[in-house]
Amino acid sequence: MSEAVAVPVPTAPRPREGDLRVVVLGKGAIGAPVREALASGHVQGAQLTAIVDRRGATRPDGEPIQGDTWLDEADLVVEAAGQTAVASLGPSVIAAGVDLLVLSIGALGDGDLHDRLSAGPGRLYLSTGAIGGLDVLRAVADAGTLQHARIETTKKPRTLIQDWMSQGQRAELLDAVSRVEVLRGSPQHIAAAFPASANVAMAVAAAAGSPSLVEAAVFADPTCTVTTHEITVESTTGTYRFQIANRPSPENPATSGLVPLSVLRAIRDLAGRKETVL
């Protein structure tokens, strides 16, 4: 019989004075790994103070927190709970002077909500999530040379099924044998139609500075093994194309496994621990 060996359990480092105090909204495929990384001390300069979901708020050790007092211990709230959470909790976070990092950018298609979240005194930050290349888009937009931008997203048919679709539309989507266009329109229209998987359209619109300069489209492809986002930027300075191919999250195929990594990178940056500016 082999002997039992005691293995020390690693503990999170003690939070330091001045660390960025972070609250995570949501416990799903994005919120869970972000929460775990913060709780284990893997994000230097940041500490997890609370987790909030539909059932209420708790401390990292599971102790319940009464009411909205969790806001008193937050410098940054990371939204990883969907567009409804942005609308219901976002304004109170901003009004309390707490910064808000939004992943469900599709919620900002509501102009009134966008205005309330931009009013301060808390600051609104947007996570690029599953896509990249937006630094180029921002650069040409700021320079006034942007002419047009387009984002085309391709996913497996079953991940695109929505409640608003008729039985015929659903059957057509699931029976597709090749890549087919599902919907094309403004970023706001696409983000509203696919709230769980098309926030990238609004991220592109935000980088462009104007949704009117952006066209978005969603495709279904039964043969695809990864989710792809193809971004094309037309500017007087040139034409730029980016393709991002993301593997779906094992926990939620409607989102990308890249998103939590992008969120953690944003938290590190906001905590002031950047070694380089990219």
C-alpha atoms as a PDB file:
ATOM      1  CA  MET A   1       0.000   0.000   0.000  1.00  0.00           C
ATOM      2  CA  SER A   2       1.380   3.393  -0.876  1.00  0.00           C
ATOM      3  CA  GLU A   3       1.651   6.034   1.797  1.00  0.00           C
ATOM      4  CA  ALA A   4      -0.482   9.160   1.725  1.00  0.00           C
ATOM      5  CA  VAL A   5       1.532  12.254   0.968  1.00  0.00           C
ATOM      6  CA  ALA A   6       0.466  15.635   2.281  1.00  0.00           C
ATOM      7  CA  VAL A   7       0.396  18.191  -0.517  1.00  0.00           C
ATOM      8  CA  PRO A   8       0.326  21.839   0.537  1.00  0.00           C
ATOM      9  CA  VAL A   9      -2.669  23.730  -0.822  1.00  0.00           C
ATOM     10  CA  PRO A  10      -1.637  27.008  -2.441  1.00  0.00           C
ATOM     11  CA  THR A  11      -3.321  30.084  -1.049  1.00  0.00           C
ATOM     12  CA  ALA A  12      -3.909  33.403  -2.714  1.00  0.00           C
ATOM     13  CA  PRO A  13      -1.465  36.144  -1.747  1.00  0.00           C
ATOM     14  CA  ARG A  14      -2.677  38.741   0.707  1.00  0.00           C
ATOM     15  CA  PRO A  15      -4.214  41.736  -1.048  1.00  0.00           C
ATOM     16  CA  ARG A  16      -1.982  44.778  -0.910  1.00  0.00           C
ATOM     17  CA  GLU A  17      -3.029  48.326  -0.128  1.00  0.00           C
ATOM     18  CA  GLY A  18      -3.825  50.046  -3.381  1.00  0.00           C
ATOM     19  CA  ASP A  19      -4.823  46.900  -5.291  1.00  0.00           C
ATOM     20  CA  LEU A  20      -7.693  47.330  -7.753  1.00  0.00           C
ATOM     21  CA  ARG A  21     -10.803  45.941  -6.051  1.00  0.00           C
ATOM     22  CA  VAL A  22     -12.794  43.925  -8.595  1.00  0.00           C
ATOM     23  CA  VAL A  23     -16.364  42.613  -8.559  1.00  0.00           C
ATOM     24  CA  VAL A  24     -17.399  40.066 -11.203  1.00  0.00           C
ATOM     25  CA  LEU A  25     -20.978  39.926 -12.472  1.00  0.00           C
ATOM     26  CA  GLY A  26     -21.746  36.392 -13.642  1.00  0.00           C
ATOM     27  CA  LYS A  27     -20.527  32.867 -12.924  1.00  0.00           C
ATOM     28  CA  GLY A  28     -20.724  31.319 -16.379  1.00  0.00           C
ATOM     29  CA  ALA A  29     -18.185  30.347 -19.032  1.00  0.00           C
ATOM     30  CA  ILE A  30     -16.579  33.805 -18.889  1.00  0.00           C
ATOM     31  CA  GLY A  31     -17.179  34.884 -15.311  1.00  0.00           C
ATOM     32  CA  ALA A  32     -15.938  31.642 -13.730  1.00  0.00           C
ATOM     33  CA  PRO A  33     -12.357  31.621 -15.099  1.00  0.00           C
ATOM     34  CA  VAL A  34     -12.038  35.380 -14.537  1.00  0.00           C
ATOM     35  CA  ARG A  35     -13.185  34.945 -10.948  1.00  0.00           C
ATOM     36  CA  GLU A  36     -10.832  32.026 -10.357  1.00  0.00           C
ATOM     37  CA  ALA A  37      -7.813  33.885 -11.745  1.00  0.00           C
ATOM     38  CA  LEU A  38      -8.519  36.894  -9.549  1.00  0.00           C
ATOM     39  CA  ALA A  39      -9.209  34.820  -6.430  1.00  0.00           C
ATOM     40  CA  SER A  40      -5.975  32.859  -6.851  1.00  0.00           C
ATOM     41  CA  GLY A  41      -3.892  36.022  -7.137  1.00  0.00           C
ATOM     42  CA  HIS A  42      -2.894  35.495 -10.781  1.00  0.00           C
ATOM     43  CA  VAL A  43      -3.693  39.094 -11.702  1.00  0.00           C
ATOM     44  CA  GLN A  44      -1.054  41.259 -10.101  1.00  0.00           C
ATOM     45  CA  GLY A  45      -2.401  44.489  -8.710  1.00  0.00           C
ATOM     46  CA  ALA A  46      -6.016  43.307  -8.537  1.00  0.00           C
ATOM     47  CA  GLN A  47      -8.098  41.501  -5.935  1.00  0.00           C
ATOM     48  CA  LEU A  48     -11.550  39.912  -6.106  1.00  0.00           C
ATOM     49  CA  THR A  49     -13.953  41.363  -3.544  1.00  0.00           C
ATOM     50  CA  ALA A  50     -17.332  39.968  -4.636  1.00  0.00           C
ATOM     51  CA  ILE A  51     -19.219  37.834  -7.157  1.00  0.00           C
ATOM     52  CA  VAL A  52     -22.745  38.829  -8.176  1.00  0.00           C
ATOM     53  CA  ASP A  53     -25.324  36.725 -10.015  1.00  0.00           C
ATOM     54  CA  ARG A  54     -29.112  36.372 -10.109  1.00  0.00           C
ATOM     55  CA  ARG A  55     -29.155  34.898  -6.624  1.00  0.00           C
ATOM     56  CA  GLY A  56     -27.325  37.826  -5.058  1.00  0.00           C
ATOM     57  CA  ALA A  57     -23.800  38.749  -4.035  1.00  0.00           C
ATOM     58  CA  THR A  58     -21.181  36.746  -2.168  1.00  0.00           C
ATOM     59  CA  ARG A  59     -17.614  37.237  -1.079  1.00  0.00           C
ATOM     60  CA  PRO A  60     -14.925  35.037  -2.677  1.00  0.00           C
ATOM     61  CA  ASP A  61     -15.271  32.565   0.214  1.00  0.00           C
ATOM     62  CA  GLY A  62     -19.022  32.239  -0.364  1.00  0.00           C
ATOM     63  CA  GLU A  63     -20.200  34.484   2.468  1.00  0.00           C
ATOM     64  CA  PRO A  64     -23.413  36.293   1.439  1.00  0.00           C
ATOM     65  CA  ILE A  65     -23.357  40.072   1.063  1.00  0.00           C
ATOM     66  CA  GLN A  66     -26.484  41.995   1.920  1.00  0.00           C
ATOM     67  CA  GLY A  67     -28.095  44.309  -0.611  1.00  0.00           C
ATOM     68  CA  ASP A  68     -25.828  46.290  -2.890  1.00  0.00           C
ATOM     69  CA  THR A  69     -23.154  46.961  -0.273  1.00  0.00           C
ATOM     70  CA  TRP A  70     -20.702  45.104  -2.542  1.00  0.00           C
ATOM     71  CA  LEU A  71     -20.451  48.354  -4.491  1.00  0.00           C
ATOM     72  CA  ASP A  72     -18.779  49.971  -1.486  1.00  0.00           C
ATOM     73  CA  GLU A  73     -15.833  47.592  -1.921  1.00  0.00           C
ATOM     74  CA  ALA A  74     -15.399  47.927  -5.678  1.00  0.00           C
ATOM     75  CA  ASP A  75     -13.167  50.009  -7.916  1.00  0.00           C
ATOM     76  CA  LEU A  76     -14.062  48.019 -11.032  1.00  0.00           C
ATOM     77  CA  VAL A  77     -17.082  45.880 -11.900  1.00  0.00           C
ATOM     78  CA  VAL A  78     -16.567  43.321 -14.667  1.00  0.00           C
ATOM     79  CA  GLU A  79     -19.818  42.456 -16.447  1.00  0.00           C
ATOM     80  CA  ALA A  80     -19.883  38.865 -17.682  1.00  0.00           C
ATOM     81  CA  ALA A  81     -23.593  38.234 -17.283  1.00  0.00           C
ATOM     82  CA  GLY A  82     -25.251  39.389 -20.508  1.00  0.00           C
ATOM     83  CA  GLN A  83     -27.028  42.422 -21.887  1.00  0.00           C
ATOM     84  CA  THR A  84     -29.783  42.310 -19.252  1.00  0.00           C
ATOM     85  CA  ALA A  85     -27.198  42.726 -16.492  1.00  0.00           C
ATOM     86  CA  VAL A  86     -25.676  45.717 -18.272  1.00  0.00           C
ATOM     87  CA  ALA A  87     -29.075  47.411 -18.395  1.00  0.00           C
ATOM     88  CA  SER A  88     -30.191  46.509 -14.859  1.00  0.00           C
ATOM     89  CA  LEU A  89     -26.954  47.029 -12.898  1.00  0.00           C
ATOM     90  CA  GLY A  90     -24.706  49.129 -15.130  1.00  0.00           C
ATOM     91  CA  PRO A  91     -26.259  52.557 -14.444  1.00  0.00           C
ATOM     92  CA  SER A  92     -26.114  52.104 -10.647  1.00  0.00           C
ATOM     93  CA  VAL A  93     -22.457  51.029 -10.877  1.00  0.00           C
ATOM     94  CA  ILE A  94     -21.529  54.117 -12.908  1.00  0.00           C
ATOM     95  CA  ALA A  95     -23.636  56.422 -10.689  1.00  0.00           C
ATOM     96  CA  ALA A  96     -21.783  55.104  -7.616  1.00  0.00           C
ATOM     97  CA  GLY A  97     -18.490  56.297  -9.130  1.00  0.00           C
ATOM     98  CA  VAL A  98     -17.310  52.750  -9.825  1.00  0.00           C
ATOM     99  CA  ASP A  99     -15.741  51.853 -13.177  1.00  0.00           C
ATOM    100  CA  LEU A 100     -17.521  49.294 -15.385  1.00  0.00           C
ATOM    101  CA  LEU A 101     -15.916  46.893 -17.886  1.00  0.00           C
ATOM    102  CA  VAL A 102     -18.625  45.716 -20.287  1.00  0.00           C
ATOM    103  CA  LEU A 103     -18.351  42.493 -22.284  1.00  0.00           C
ATOM    104  CA  SER A 104     -21.940  42.455 -23.561  1.00  0.00           C
ATOM    105  CA  ILE A 105     -21.335  45.452 -25.801  1.00  0.00           C
ATOM    106  CA  GLY A 106     -24.490  44.679 -27.761  1.00  0.00           C
ATOM    107  CA  ALA A 107     -26.442  46.323 -24.927  1.00  0.00           C
ATOM    108  CA  LEU A 108     -25.037  49.667 -26.010  1.00  0.00           C
ATOM    109  CA  GLY A 109     -27.182  49.511 -29.127  1.00  0.00           C
ATOM    110  CA  ASP A 110     -29.738  51.116 -26.772  1.00  0.00           C
ATOM    111  CA  GLY A 111     -28.784  54.778 -27.137  1.00  0.00           C
ATOM    112  CA  ASP A 112     -30.400  55.834 -23.862  1.00  0.00           C
ATOM    113  CA  LEU A 113     -28.506  53.165 -21.923  1.00  0.00           C
ATOM    114  CA  HIS A 114     -25.245  54.143 -23.624  1.00  0.00           C
ATOM    115  CA  ASP A 115     -25.806  57.771 -22.547  1.00  0.00           C
ATOM    116  CA  ARG A 116     -26.495  56.753 -18.937  1.00  0.00           C
ATOM    117  CA  LEU A 117     -23.371  54.596 -18.801  1.00  0.00           C
ATOM    118  CA  SER A 118     -21.276  57.407 -20.276  1.00  0.00           C
ATOM    119  CA  ALA A 119     -22.556  60.042 -17.843  1.00  0.00           C
ATOM    120  CA  GLY A 120     -20.143  59.201 -15.003  1.00  0.00           C
ATOM    121  CA  PRO A 121     -18.777  59.637 -12.475  1.00  0.00           C
ATOM    122  CA  GLY A 122     -17.678  56.021 -12.981  1.00  0.00           C
ATOM    123  CA  ARG A 123     -15.872  55.277 -16.222  1.00  0.00           C
ATOM    124  CA  LEU A 124     -17.153  52.937 -18.925  1.00  0.00           C
ATOM    125  CA  TYR A 125     -14.689  50.493 -20.516  1.00  0.00           C
ATOM    126  CA  LEU A 126     -15.473  48.106 -23.371  1.00  0.00           C
ATOM    127  CA  SER A 127     -13.840  44.705 -23.773  1.00  0.00           C
ATOM    128  CA  THR A 128     -12.973  43.641 -27.326  1.00  0.00           C
ATOM    129  CA  GLY A 129     -13.574  40.057 -26.193  1.00  0.00           C
ATOM    130  CA  ALA A 130     -13.247  37.576 -29.037  1.00  0.00           C
ATOM    131  CA  ILE A 131     -11.744  39.839 -31.702  1.00  0.00           C
ATOM    132  CA  GLY A 132      -8.612  41.862 -32.446  1.00  0.00           C
ATOM    133  CA  GLY A 133      -7.280  44.354 -34.967  1.00  0.00           C
ATOM    134  CA  LEU A 134      -9.397  47.163 -33.546  1.00  0.00           C
ATOM    135  CA  ASP A 135      -6.348  49.335 -32.868  1.00  0.00           C
ATOM    136  CA  VAL A 136      -6.016  49.845 -36.637  1.00  0.00           C
ATOM    137  CA  LEU A 137      -9.713  50.620 -36.966  1.00  0.00           C
ATOM    138  CA  ARG A 138      -9.563  53.130 -34.114  1.00  0.00           C
ATOM    139  CA  ALA A 139      -6.509  54.776 -35.633  1.00  0.00           C
ATOM    140  CA  VAL A 140      -8.099  55.441 -39.033  1.00  0.00           C
ATOM    141  CA  ALA A 141     -11.391  56.435 -37.415  1.00  0.00           C
ATOM    142  CA  ASP A 142      -9.671  58.970 -35.157  1.00  0.00           C
ATOM    143  CA  ALA A 143      -7.751  60.317 -38.154  1.00  0.00           C
ATOM    144  CA  GLY A 144     -10.976  60.790 -40.101  1.00  0.00           C
ATOM    145  CA  THR A 145      -9.836  58.517 -42.928  1.00  0.00           C
ATOM    146  CA  LEU A 146     -12.270  55.639 -42.309  1.00  0.00           C
ATOM    147  CA  GLN A 147     -14.643  55.032 -45.223  1.00  0.00           C
ATOM    148  CA  HIS A 148     -16.314  51.763 -44.309  1.00  0.00           C
ATOM    149  CA  ALA A 149     -15.884  48.718 -42.079  1.00  0.00           C
ATOM    150  CA  ARG A 150     -17.466  45.277 -42.299  1.00  0.00           C
ATOM    151  CA  ILE A 151     -17.533  42.318 -39.935  1.00  0.00           C
ATOM    152  CA  GLU A 152     -18.706  38.861 -40.985  1.00  0.00           C
ATOM    153  CA  THR A 153     -19.134  36.215 -38.297  1.00  0.00           C
ATOM    154  CA  THR A 154     -19.413  32.506 -39.107  1.00  0.00           C
ATOM    155  CA  LYS A 155     -20.564  29.952 -36.532  1.00  0.00           C
ATOM    156  CA  LYS A 156     -22.083  26.486 -36.296  1.00  0.00           C
ATOM    157  CA  PRO A 157     -25.825  26.565 -37.119  1.00  0.00           C
ATOM    158  CA  ARG A 158     -27.021  25.218 -33.779  1.00  0.00           C
ATOM    159  CA  THR A 159     -25.311  28.049 -31.865  1.00  0.00           C
ATOM    160  CA  LEU A 160     -27.297  30.625 -33.859  1.00  0.00           C
ATOM    161  CA  ILE A 161     -30.817  29.362 -33.143  1.00  0.00           C
ATOM    162  CA  GLN A 162     -32.885  32.181 -31.588  1.00  0.00           C
ATOM    163  CA  ASP A 163     -36.369  32.471 -30.057  1.00  0.00           C
ATOM    164  CA  TRP A 164     -37.473  34.952 -32.717  1.00  0.00           C
ATOM    165  CA  MET A 165     -36.885  32.445 -35.514  1.00  0.00           C
ATOM    166  CA  SER A 166     -39.848  30.597 -37.019  1.00  0.00           C
ATOM    167  CA  GLN A 167     -39.879  26.805 -37.192  1.00  0.00           C
ATOM    168  CA  GLY A 168     -39.126  27.095 -40.899  1.00  0.00           C
ATOM    169  CA  GLN A 169     -36.122  29.348 -40.291  1.00  0.00           C
ATOM    170  CA  ARG A 170     -34.771  26.995 -37.659  1.00  0.00           C
ATOM    171  CA  ALA A 171     -35.173  23.960 -39.888  1.00  0.00           C
ATOM    172  CA  GLU A 172     -33.513  25.732 -42.799  1.00  0.00           C
ATOM    173  CA  LEU A 173     -30.598  26.704 -40.582  1.00  0.00           C
ATOM    174  CA  LEU A 174     -30.121  23.218 -39.127  1.00  0.00           C
ATOM    175  CA  ASP A 175     -30.469  21.547 -42.536  1.00  0.00           C
ATOM    176  CA  ALA A 176     -27.844  23.743 -44.204  1.00  0.00           C
ATOM    177  CA  VAL A 177     -25.082  21.767 -45.937  1.00  0.00           C
ATOM    178  CA  SER A 178     -22.810  24.724 -46.699  1.00  0.00           C
ATOM    179  CA  ARG A 179     -22.131  28.262 -45.510  1.00  0.00           C
ATOM    180  CA  VAL A 180     -25.294  30.397 -45.647  1.00  0.00           C
ATOM    181  CA  GLU A 181     -26.004  33.993 -44.690  1.00  0.00           C
ATOM    182  CA  VAL A 182     -28.398  34.236 -41.744  1.00  0.00           C
ATOM    183  CA  LEU A 183     -28.705  37.985 -41.219  1.00  0.00           C
ATOM    184  CA  ARG A 184     -27.089  41.211 -42.428  1.00  0.00           C
ATOM    185  CA  GLY A 185     -27.600  44.754 -41.175  1.00  0.00           C
ATOM    186  CA  SER A 186     -26.412  47.417 -38.786  1.00  0.00           C
ATOM    187  CA  PRO A 187     -24.324  46.440 -35.747  1.00  0.00           C
ATOM    188  CA  GLN A 188     -27.268  47.300 -33.495  1.00  0.00           C
ATOM    189  CA  HIS A 189     -29.592  45.029 -35.459  1.00  0.00           C
ATOM    190  CA  ILE A 190     -27.163  42.101 -35.429  1.00  0.00           C
ATOM    191  CA  ALA A 191     -26.311  42.486 -31.737  1.00  0.00           C
ATOM    192  CA  ALA A 192     -29.992  42.617 -30.784  1.00  0.00           C
ATOM    193  CA  ALA A 193     -30.795  39.556 -32.894  1.00  0.00           C
ATOM    194  CA  PHE A 194     -27.909  37.470 -31.484  1.00  0.00           C
ATOM    195  CA  PRO A 195     -27.314  38.847 -27.957  1.00  0.00           C
ATOM    196  CA  ALA A 196     -25.212  35.903 -26.773  1.00  0.00           C
ATOM    197  CA  SER A 197     -22.863  35.640 -29.712  1.00  0.00           C
ATOM    198  CA  ALA A 198     -22.712  38.815 -31.795  1.00  0.00           C
ATOM    199  CA  ASN A 199     -21.431  41.481 -29.404  1.00  0.00           C
ATOM    200  CA  VAL A 200     -18.406  41.665 -31.694  1.00  0.00           C
ATOM    201  CA  ALA A 201     -20.508  43.718 -34.123  1.00  0.00           C
ATOM    202  CA  MET A 202     -20.957  46.486 -31.559  1.00  0.00           C
ATOM    203  CA  ALA A 203     -17.278  46.267 -30.597  1.00  0.00           C
ATOM    204  CA  VAL A 204     -16.388  47.071 -34.197  1.00  0.00           C
ATOM    205  CA  ALA A 205     -18.937  49.886 -34.235  1.00  0.00           C
ATOM    206  CA  ALA A 206     -17.459  51.358 -31.048  1.00  0.00           C
ATOM    207  CA  ALA A 207     -13.962  51.269 -32.524  1.00  0.00           C
ATOM    208  CA  ALA A 208     -15.236  52.917 -35.715  1.00  0.00           C
ATOM    209  CA  GLY A 209     -16.799  55.708 -33.675  1.00  0.00           C
ATOM    210  CA  SER A 210     -20.040  55.476 -35.657  1.00  0.00           C
ATOM    211  CA  PRO A 211     -22.280  52.447 -36.293  1.00  0.00           C
ATOM    212  CA  SER A 212     -23.364  54.034 -39.573  1.00  0.00           C
ATOM    213  CA  LEU A 213     -19.916  53.255 -41.008  1.00  0.00           C
ATOM    214  CA  VAL A 214     -20.165  49.544 -40.151  1.00  0.00           C
ATOM    215  CA  GLU A 215     -21.995  46.665 -41.813  1.00  0.00           C
ATOM    216  CA  ALA A 216     -22.355  43.355 -39.974  1.00  0.00           C
ATOM    217  CA  ALA A 217     -23.390  39.905 -41.128  1.00  0.00           C
ATOM    218  CA  VAL A 218     -23.823  36.494 -39.507  1.00  0.00           C
ATOM    219  CA  PHE A 219     -23.291  33.212 -41.376  1.00  0.00           C
ATOM    220  CA  ALA A 220     -23.990  29.607 -40.446  1.00  0.00           C
ATOM    221  CA  ASP A 221     -21.636  26.875 -41.635  1.00  0.00           C
ATOM    222  CA  PRO A 222     -22.153  23.220 -40.628  1.00  0.00           C
ATOM    223  CA  THR A 223     -18.616  22.381 -41.753  1.00  0.00           C
ATOM    224  CA  CYS A 224     -16.805  24.957 -39.613  1.00  0.00           C
ATOM    225  CA  THR A 225     -14.795  23.750 -36.651  1.00  0.00           C
ATOM    226  CA  VAL A 226     -14.067  27.192 -35.224  1.00  0.00           C
ATOM    227  CA  THR A 227     -15.919  30.499 -34.975  1.00  0.00           C
ATOM    228  CA  THR A 228     -14.500  33.050 -37.381  1.00  0.00           C
ATOM    229  CA  HIS A 229     -14.740  36.828 -37.489  1.00  0.00           C
ATOM    230  CA  GLU A 230     -13.553  38.542 -40.671  1.00  0.00           C
ATOM    231  CA  ILE A 231     -13.076  42.302 -40.368  1.00  0.00           C
ATOM    232  CA  THR A 232     -12.469  44.494 -43.399  1.00  0.00           C
ATOM    233  CA  VAL A 233     -11.548  48.166 -43.006  1.00  0.00           C
ATOM    234  CA  GLU A 234     -11.621  50.542 -45.968  1.00  0.00           C
ATOM    235  CA  SER A 235      -9.700  53.791 -45.458  1.00  0.00           C
ATOM    236  CA  THR A 236      -8.082  56.436 -47.603  1.00  0.00           C
ATOM    237  CA  THR A 237      -4.810  55.142 -46.144  1.00  0.00           C
ATOM    238  CA  GLY A 238      -5.404  51.575 -47.334  1.00  0.00           C
ATOM    239  CA  THR A 239      -7.465  48.414 -46.978  1.00  0.00           C
ATOM    240  CA  TYR A 240      -6.984  46.204 -43.927  1.00  0.00           C
ATOM    241  CA  ARG A 241      -8.323  42.701 -43.348  1.00  0.00           C
ATOM    242  CA  PHE A 242      -8.217  40.611 -40.196  1.00  0.00           C
ATOM    243  CA  GLN A 243      -9.464  37.082 -39.602  1.00  0.00           C
ATOM    244  CA  ILE A 244      -9.890  35.706 -36.113  1.00  0.00           C
ATOM    245  CA  ALA A 245     -10.647  31.989 -35.735  1.00  0.00           C
ATOM    246  CA  ASN A 246     -11.714  31.135 -32.200  1.00  0.00           C
ATOM    247  CA  ARG A 247     -12.325  27.735 -30.707  1.00  0.00           C
ATOM    248  CA  PRO A 248     -15.634  27.683 -28.772  1.00  0.00           C
ATOM    249  CA  SER A 249     -15.601  27.553 -25.001  1.00  0.00           C
ATOM    250  CA  PRO A 250     -16.179  23.948 -23.793  1.00  0.00           C
ATOM    251  CA  GLU A 251     -18.633  25.295 -21.204  1.00  0.00           C
ATOM    252  CA  ASN A 252     -20.620  27.444 -23.644  1.00  0.00           C
ATOM    253  CA  PRO A 253     -20.236  26.933 -27.414  1.00  0.00           C
ATOM    254  CA  ALA A 254     -21.925  30.306 -28.052  1.00  0.00           C
ATOM    255  CA  THR A 255     -18.835  32.123 -26.775  1.00  0.00           C
ATOM    256  CA  SER A 256     -15.106  31.883 -27.397  1.00  0.00           C
ATOM    257  CA  GLY A 257     -12.468  30.516 -25.068  1.00  0.00           C
ATOM    258  CA  LEU A 258     -10.453  33.655 -25.869  1.00  0.00           C
ATOM    259  CA  VAL A 259     -12.894  36.000 -24.128  1.00  0.00           C
ATOM    260  CA  PRO A 260     -11.830  35.335 -20.491  1.00  0.00           C
ATOM    261  CA  LEU A 261      -8.185  35.816 -21.498  1.00  0.00           C
ATOM    262  CA  SER A 262      -9.053  39.145 -23.109  1.00  0.00           C
ATOM    263  CA  VAL A 263     -10.920  40.221 -19.971  1.00  0.00           C
ATOM    264  CA  LEU A 264      -8.011  39.325 -17.703  1.00  0.00           C
ATOM    265  CA  ARG A 265      -5.642  41.271 -19.966  1.00  0.00           C
ATOM    266  CA  ALA A 266      -7.935  44.301 -19.640  1.00  0.00           C
ATOM    267  CA  ILE A 267      -8.011  43.983 -15.840  1.00  0.00           C
ATOM    268  CA  ARG A 268      -4.216  43.816 -15.719  1.00  0.00           C
ATOM    269  CA  ASP A 269      -4.020  46.944 -17.836  1.00  0.00           C
ATOM    270  CA  LEU A 270      -6.523  48.780 -15.642  1.00  0.00           C
ATOM    271  CA  ALA A 271      -4.605  47.704 -12.557  1.00  0.00           C
ATOM    272  CA  GLY A 272      -1.641  49.628 -13.966  1.00  0.00           C
ATOM    273  CA  ARG A 273       0.661  46.667 -14.413  1.00  0.00           C
ATOM    274  CA  LYS A 274       1.420  47.023 -18.135  1.00  0.00           C
ATOM    275  CA  GLU A 275       4.972  46.324 -19.241  1.00  0.00           C
ATOM    276  CA  THR A 276       4.288  47.398 -22.827  1.00  0.00           C
ATOM    277  CA  VAL A 277       1.659  49.341 -24.699  1.00  0.00           C
ATOM    278  CA  LEU A 278       0.261  47.308 -27.616  1.00  0.00           C
END
